[in-house]
Amino acid sequence: MKCPQCGYVSFDYLDRCRRCAADWTSGRALLGVQIPEAAPAQSEAPVPVEEEWQGPAASELALEEEFDRLYERLKKEEEKTSEVRWAGFFRRACAFGIDLLVLSAFSTALFYGVYVGYKVGLAAHHQRLSLHNLSALLKILLFAWPALMAGYFVLLHGMEGKTIGKWLLRMRVVGANRSPVTYRQALIRGLGYLPSAFLGLGFLWILLSREKRAWHDLLAGTWVIREMVPSRSLKN
């Protein structure tokens, strides 16, 4: 082998030149013949490293927590609306007092209308109102006033389940399973006021009943419940 640096020739296969200690493995001569250098080894493509899962971002966690709070609030609101709250004695007494005031105004208007109409009718027959013909007016009022009472309670309970007093105090008369009241139930309930009014025992029964029912409620198969106030918006 011939050293490419100093030209020393050796017939032994050595890694280095004996004269100048040149590295023959990196040289380009073997017995005077140049040896091409080996091509550099191609580096293998880097293996992609899987990134470690870091979990959802903080904004996503905050959004999930907000949805959880909203769901829990909606669930609580639904449970509240599904609860039945019976109307108590004092609330019902206040509503009945309001109804009596309304009926007093209606009765005054009814009396005045019947009086004027009866007086005009007498004038058409060239008569005047006197004690002799006053009994006919009283008979008309005797039938008109109960009709007004029945129309007020039966019609309003049959239409909406509540009178003006119950509407102001957020109450409603319902049937079994909170179904709307029928006109038949409203009529029976209206007639049931008579036995309930006996010494007031039927109304006082509300204080003893677990479901706050009076005698006329038991007769008609009705209940008086308190209506929940709908929430306008959910608080954050």
Protein backbone atom coordinates (compact mmCIF):
# COMPACT_ATOMS: atom_id res chain seq x y z
CA MET A 1 0.00 0.00 0.00
CA LYS A 2 1.30 3.46 -0.87
CA CYS A 3 0.88 6.34 1.52
CA PRO A 4 -0.85 9.24 -0.21
CA GLN A 5 1.09 11.79 1.88
CA CYS A 6 4.72 10.68 1.98
CA GLY A 7 4.73 8.08 -0.80
CA TYR A 8 5.99 5.27 1.46
CA VAL A 9 5.10 1.86 0.06
CA SER A 10 4.34 -1.07 2.35
CA PHE A 11 3.33 -4.57 1.40
CA ASP A 12 1.59 -5.11 4.73
CA TYR A 13 -2.04 -4.15 5.17
CA LEU A 14 -1.91 -1.62 7.94
CA ASP A 15 -4.29 1.03 9.17
CA ARG A 16 -1.57 3.72 9.35
CA CYS A 17 1.67 4.59 7.50
CA ARG A 18 4.82 3.46 9.28
CA ARG A 19 6.70 6.62 8.23
CA CYS A 20 4.23 9.49 8.75
CA ALA A 21 1.50 7.68 10.68
CA ALA A 22 -1.12 8.84 8.20
CA ASP A 23 -4.54 7.20 8.46
CA TRP A 24 -4.79 4.88 5.49
CA THR A 25 -8.42 4.06 6.00
CA SER A 26 -9.28 7.63 5.08
CA GLY A 27 -6.73 7.78 2.30
CA ARG A 28 -7.45 7.31 -1.37
CA ALA A 29 -4.57 5.04 -2.51
CA LEU A 30 -4.10 1.34 -2.34
CA LEU A 31 -0.93 0.28 -4.23
CA GLY A 32 -1.18 3.57 -6.06
CA VAL A 33 -4.91 3.19 -6.86
CA GLN A 34 -7.28 5.75 -5.40
CA ILE A 35 -10.11 4.33 -3.34
CA PRO A 36 -13.33 6.29 -3.38
CA GLU A 37 -14.57 7.38 -0.07
CA ALA A 38 -17.63 5.64 1.24
CA ALA A 39 -20.79 7.64 0.87
CA PRO A 40 -21.99 9.09 4.13
CA ALA A 41 -24.75 7.08 5.67
CA GLN A 42 -28.11 8.67 5.24
CA SER A 43 -29.69 9.57 8.46
CA GLU A 44 -32.95 7.86 9.07
CA ALA A 45 -36.07 9.98 9.18
CA PRO A 46 -36.84 11.04 12.73
CA VAL A 47 -39.57 9.02 14.31
CA PRO A 48 -42.46 11.34 15.21
CA VAL A 49 -42.82 11.59 18.92
CA GLU A 50 -46.39 11.41 20.13
CA GLU A 51 -47.29 14.42 22.16
CA GLU A 52 -48.53 13.73 25.62
CA TRP A 53 -52.29 14.41 26.03
CA GLN A 54 -52.62 17.59 28.02
CA GLY A 55 -56.41 17.41 28.52
CA PRO A 56 -58.93 20.12 27.60
CA ALA A 57 -57.92 23.72 27.77
CA ALA A 58 -58.89 25.93 30.65
CA SER A 59 -61.53 27.72 28.53
CA GLU A 60 -63.17 24.41 27.64
CA LEU A 61 -63.24 23.37 31.30
CA ALA A 62 -64.84 26.68 32.26
CA LEU A 63 -67.46 26.22 29.52
CA GLU A 64 -68.27 22.69 30.71
CA GLU A 65 -68.62 23.92 34.29
CA GLU A 66 -70.95 26.69 33.13
CA PHE A 67 -73.14 24.15 31.30
CA ASP A 68 -73.17 21.94 34.40
CA ARG A 69 -74.33 24.84 36.58
CA LEU A 70 -76.99 25.78 34.05
CA TYR A 71 -78.22 22.18 33.90
CA GLU A 72 -78.42 21.90 37.69
CA ARG A 73 -80.34 25.19 37.92
CA LEU A 74 -82.80 24.13 35.24
CA LYS A 75 -83.26 20.81 37.02
CA LYS A 76 -83.99 22.57 40.32
CA GLU A 77 -86.45 24.93 38.60
CA GLU A 78 -88.24 21.94 37.07
CA GLU A 79 -88.44 20.21 40.44
CA LYS A 80 -89.89 23.36 42.01
CA THR A 81 -92.52 23.71 39.32
CA SER A 82 -93.50 20.05 39.70
CA GLU A 83 -94.10 20.45 43.44
CA VAL A 84 -97.73 21.00 44.52
CA ARG A 85 -98.26 23.82 46.98
CA TRP A 86 -101.71 23.85 48.56
CA ALA A 87 -103.39 27.18 49.20
CA GLY A 88 -103.88 27.70 52.92
CA PHE A 89 -106.84 28.97 54.90
CA PHE A 90 -105.77 32.61 55.29
CA ARG A 91 -104.80 33.03 51.65
CA ARG A 92 -108.13 31.57 50.55
CA ALA A 93 -109.99 33.75 53.06
CA CYS A 94 -108.32 36.87 51.63
CA ALA A 95 -109.21 35.78 48.09
CA PHE A 96 -112.82 35.17 49.15
CA GLY A 97 -112.93 38.62 50.76
CA ILE A 98 -111.77 40.18 47.49
CA ASP A 99 -114.46 38.21 45.64
CA LEU A 100 -117.11 39.53 48.04
CA LEU A 101 -116.00 43.10 47.34
CA VAL A 102 -116.20 42.45 43.61
CA LEU A 103 -119.63 40.87 44.04
CA SER A 104 -120.75 43.85 46.11
CA ALA A 105 -119.89 46.15 43.22
CA PHE A 106 -121.69 43.84 40.78
CA SER A 107 -124.68 43.59 43.13
CA THR A 108 -124.91 47.36 43.37
CA ALA A 109 -124.86 47.65 39.59
CA LEU A 110 -127.44 44.83 39.35
CA PHE A 111 -129.75 46.43 41.90
CA TYR A 112 -129.54 49.80 40.21
CA GLY A 113 -130.19 48.28 36.78
CA VAL A 114 -133.18 46.24 38.00
CA TYR A 115 -134.57 49.23 39.92
CA VAL A 116 -134.36 51.56 36.93
CA GLY A 117 -135.80 48.96 34.60
CA TYR A 118 -138.66 48.15 36.94
CA LYS A 119 -139.43 51.81 37.46
CA VAL A 120 -139.46 52.48 33.71
CA GLY A 121 -141.78 49.52 33.25
CA LEU A 122 -144.18 50.90 35.83
CA ALA A 123 -144.09 54.31 34.17
CA ALA A 124 -145.00 52.71 30.86
CA HIS A 125 -148.18 51.43 32.55
CA HIS A 126 -148.80 54.80 34.19
CA GLN A 127 -147.89 53.48 37.65
CA ARG A 128 -145.49 54.58 40.32
CA LEU A 129 -143.31 52.52 42.64
CA SER A 130 -145.10 51.90 45.94
CA LEU A 131 -145.26 49.38 48.76
CA HIS A 132 -147.99 47.57 46.87
CA ASN A 133 -145.81 46.71 43.87
CA LEU A 134 -142.45 46.67 45.70
CA SER A 135 -142.76 42.93 46.36
CA ALA A 136 -142.35 42.18 42.67
CA LEU A 137 -139.06 44.09 42.65
CA LEU A 138 -137.82 42.16 45.67
CA LYS A 139 -138.71 38.85 43.99
CA ILE A 140 -136.70 39.82 40.94
CA LEU A 141 -133.73 40.70 43.10
CA LEU A 142 -134.19 37.50 45.11
CA PHE A 143 -133.60 35.42 41.97
CA ALA A 144 -131.12 37.79 40.29
CA TRP A 145 -128.62 37.93 43.13
CA PRO A 146 -128.10 34.11 43.47
CA ALA A 147 -127.83 33.95 39.68
CA LEU A 148 -125.10 36.58 39.86
CA MET A 149 -123.27 34.61 42.56
CA ALA A 150 -123.55 31.36 40.62
CA GLY A 151 -122.49 33.00 37.40
CA TYR A 152 -119.48 34.59 39.04
CA PHE A 153 -118.09 31.48 40.75
CA VAL A 154 -119.28 28.77 38.35
CA LEU A 155 -118.34 30.51 35.11
CA LEU A 156 -114.97 31.80 36.28
CA HIS A 157 -113.99 28.52 37.90
CA GLY A 158 -115.15 26.59 34.83
CA MET A 159 -113.32 28.89 32.42
CA GLU A 160 -109.99 29.55 34.12
CA GLY A 161 -110.19 27.78 37.46
CA LYS A 162 -109.89 31.04 39.38
CA THR A 163 -111.90 34.08 40.35
CA ILE A 164 -110.60 37.62 40.58
CA GLY A 165 -109.50 37.09 44.17
CA LYS A 166 -107.69 33.85 43.34
CA TRP A 167 -106.10 35.50 40.32
CA LEU A 168 -104.73 38.34 42.43
CA LEU A 169 -103.33 35.94 45.04
CA ARG A 170 -102.03 33.44 42.44
CA MET A 171 -104.30 30.49 43.18
CA ARG A 172 -106.15 28.06 40.96
CA VAL A 173 -108.85 25.44 41.44
CA VAL A 174 -107.91 22.15 39.78
CA GLY A 175 -109.25 18.63 39.54
CA ALA A 176 -107.50 15.31 40.04
CA ASN A 177 -103.91 15.22 38.75
CA ARG A 178 -104.04 19.01 38.40
CA SER A 179 -106.50 18.76 35.51
CA PRO A 180 -108.71 21.74 34.58
CA VAL A 181 -112.01 22.07 36.43
CA THR A 182 -115.14 21.20 34.45
CA TYR A 183 -118.32 23.26 34.61
CA ARG A 184 -120.02 20.35 36.38
CA GLN A 185 -117.38 20.40 39.10
CA ALA A 186 -117.63 24.18 39.29
CA LEU A 187 -121.41 23.95 39.75
CA ILE A 188 -121.13 21.27 42.45
CA ARG A 189 -118.45 23.31 44.15
CA GLY A 190 -120.66 26.41 44.05
CA LEU A 191 -123.58 24.53 45.59
CA GLY A 192 -121.18 23.11 48.17
CA TYR A 193 -120.72 26.58 49.62
CA LEU A 194 -124.09 26.16 51.37
CA PRO A 195 -123.07 23.22 53.63
CA SER A 196 -119.59 24.76 54.08
CA ALA A 197 -121.17 27.98 55.31
CA PHE A 198 -122.98 26.14 58.14
CA LEU A 199 -121.29 27.69 61.19
CA GLY A 200 -118.25 28.09 58.97
CA LEU A 201 -117.25 24.48 59.67
CA GLY A 202 -116.72 23.65 56.01
CA PHE A 203 -114.27 26.50 55.62
CA LEU A 204 -112.50 25.77 58.91
CA TRP A 205 -111.95 22.22 57.67
CA ILE A 206 -109.12 23.67 55.56
CA LEU A 207 -107.08 24.05 58.74
CA LEU A 208 -107.43 20.34 59.54
CA SER A 209 -107.04 18.93 56.04
CA ARG A 210 -103.57 17.87 54.94
CA GLU A 211 -104.31 19.04 51.40
CA LYS A 212 -106.10 22.21 52.59
CA ARG A 213 -109.50 21.15 51.21
CA ALA A 214 -112.85 22.54 52.33
CA TRP A 215 -116.11 20.63 52.30
CA HIS A 216 -117.11 22.00 48.91
CA ASP A 217 -113.73 20.80 47.55
CA LEU A 218 -114.43 17.31 48.85
CA LEU A 219 -117.89 17.32 47.26
CA ALA A 220 -116.65 18.52 43.86
CA GLY A 221 -113.37 16.60 43.81
CA THR A 222 -111.29 19.75 43.52
CA TRP A 223 -108.14 21.18 45.07
CA VAL A 224 -106.89 24.76 45.41
CA ILE A 225 -103.20 25.13 44.60
CA ARG A 226 -100.80 28.04 44.57
CA GLU A 227 -99.35 28.97 41.20
CA MET A 228 -95.60 29.39 40.92
CA VAL A 229 -94.24 32.70 39.69
CA PRO A 230 -92.29 32.04 36.45
CA SER A 231 -88.69 33.17 36.64
CA ARG A 232 -87.91 35.79 34.02
CA SER A 233 -84.24 34.97 33.66
CA LEU A 234 -81.67 32.64 35.15
CA LYS A 235 -79.04 34.23 37.33
CA ASN A 236 -75.41 33.60 36.46
